[in-house]
Amino acid sequence: MSPPVASPGWSRWLVPPAALSVHLSIGQAYAWSVFKPPLESALDLSGTQSALPFQVAIVMLGLSAAFGGTLVERNGPRWAMTVALVCFSSGFLISALGAATQQYWLIVLGYGFVGGVGLGIGYISPVSTLIKWFPDRPGMATGIAIMGFGGGALIASPLSAQMLESFGSDSSGIALAFLVHGVTYAVFMALGVLLVRVPRGEKPVEGGPSAVDGVQVSARDAVRTPQFWCLWVVLCMNVTAGIGILEKAAPMITDFFADSSTPVSVSAAAGFVALLSAANMAGRIGWSSASDLIGRKNMYRVYLGAGALMYALIALFGDSSKPLFILCALVILSFYGGGFATVPAYLKDLFGTHQVGAIHGRLLTAWSTAGVLGPLIVNWIADRQEEAGKHGASLYGLSFVIMIGLLAVGFVANELVRPVHPSRHIPAPRKETADAERQHSKPA
């Protein structure tokens, strides 16, 4: 499937909605917890077992993004979005079969393995295209799309809950909910497949910068640079710090104020989780847009430095003030989301647009690592502290100190980022040849 080239006069502002249609769909992954209780009841599963499809999906997201990034660059955004549509929707259909027949391994296979491939390819599918359309504002452009992944759960969570209420929470009701999800997301993602275009010329904005201006580095060479691995550490540390709160948000706020005169109710804890999702979503567009003004390195100084300060405030004073606890947690989650949305533009600044989607895919292995590391730190330490007879905020003090340390490591790694050595740049003659080939292949 060849990349669809925009016709003359095509508005670049049609591309972010195409990307959003994919990211809002695959963002359903953050709403998996809605299916956990009914699956545990209907199929007699433990909490660990019911989490397995989500865990496998996140691992497959990182792996498919890493190994499929080059194919996405080679075949273009329409191919990538089509693959994402087929895999993500098929994952739900296979899961529906698994629920209907009470074969849990089919749900793991469908939602985890097959759907996880759709997550990874879908996540990186619009990145390089958006950066080429918006060379003047790459942070804002990628922020708009990646915002959808953070906000997908705000749509999917109540929708899934309503389906389970209407269809029933037994195995047949879950199967029907999975089936509706698969069909609905296929239709919604198809809008992105039909709408997406690549720019006709190198300057989509008249008089603006070219998408190929400056440094250009191949994905193969990028992963051999210290800059790539510094950014890998930066992203891993930032995500670990954010996901540590996100994964355990409801029990954490309940524990913090369990001994206060106004303990947190179950419904209030759920409202806190919704607030965190909104902060995650807002940070993706807000902070990434700000990075266009103050620069990527300065933006990550804020994420990592101010993030460590927020953790310190929670550790020291969080259990004495609900507003302070909530405010600090919201800021940390906004940095979590902003870090995801800013990193493609950071990669573009360092390595150019030549294979930025493939480079981004490889970098997302940091997300897979952090997705295991963050919850493991918080949950393991909280369990050990509880066994030692501690309770309330004291369950998390050591975890927060570790998070501050990890953010400090990320801060140092960010400071070590320097421009890529010229020996890694694609030589100018090769770039000119590629440009000439593209011009020759364009329709008259």
Foldseek 3Di string as FASTA:
>chain_A
DAFFEDDPPDDLVLQLLLLLLLQLLLLLLLQLVLLQVLLCVQLVDDSVLSCLLSLLLLLLLLVLLQVVLVVLLVRALLVLLVQLLCQQLQLLLQLLVCLVVSPVVSNSCRSRNSNSSSNNSSLLSCQLQQCQLCVLQSLLSLLSNLLSSLCSNVVNNVVLNVQCVVQPSHSNSSSVSSNVSSVVSSVSSVVSSVRHHHYLDQPNDVVDDGLFPDFAFDLVLVVVDLQLVLLLLLLLLLLLLLVLCLVCVLVQQQQLAVPPPDGADNVNSVVLNVLLSVLLSCLSNVLSSVCSVVNLLVSSCCLLVVLLVLLVCCLPCVSPDVVSVSVSSSSSSSSNNNSLSNVLVVQCVQHGSSSSSNSNSNSCVSVSVSNVNNNCLLVVQLVVVVVVVDTGSVSCNVVSVVSNVSSVSSNVSSVPNDHDDPVRGDDPVVVVVVVVVSVVPDDD
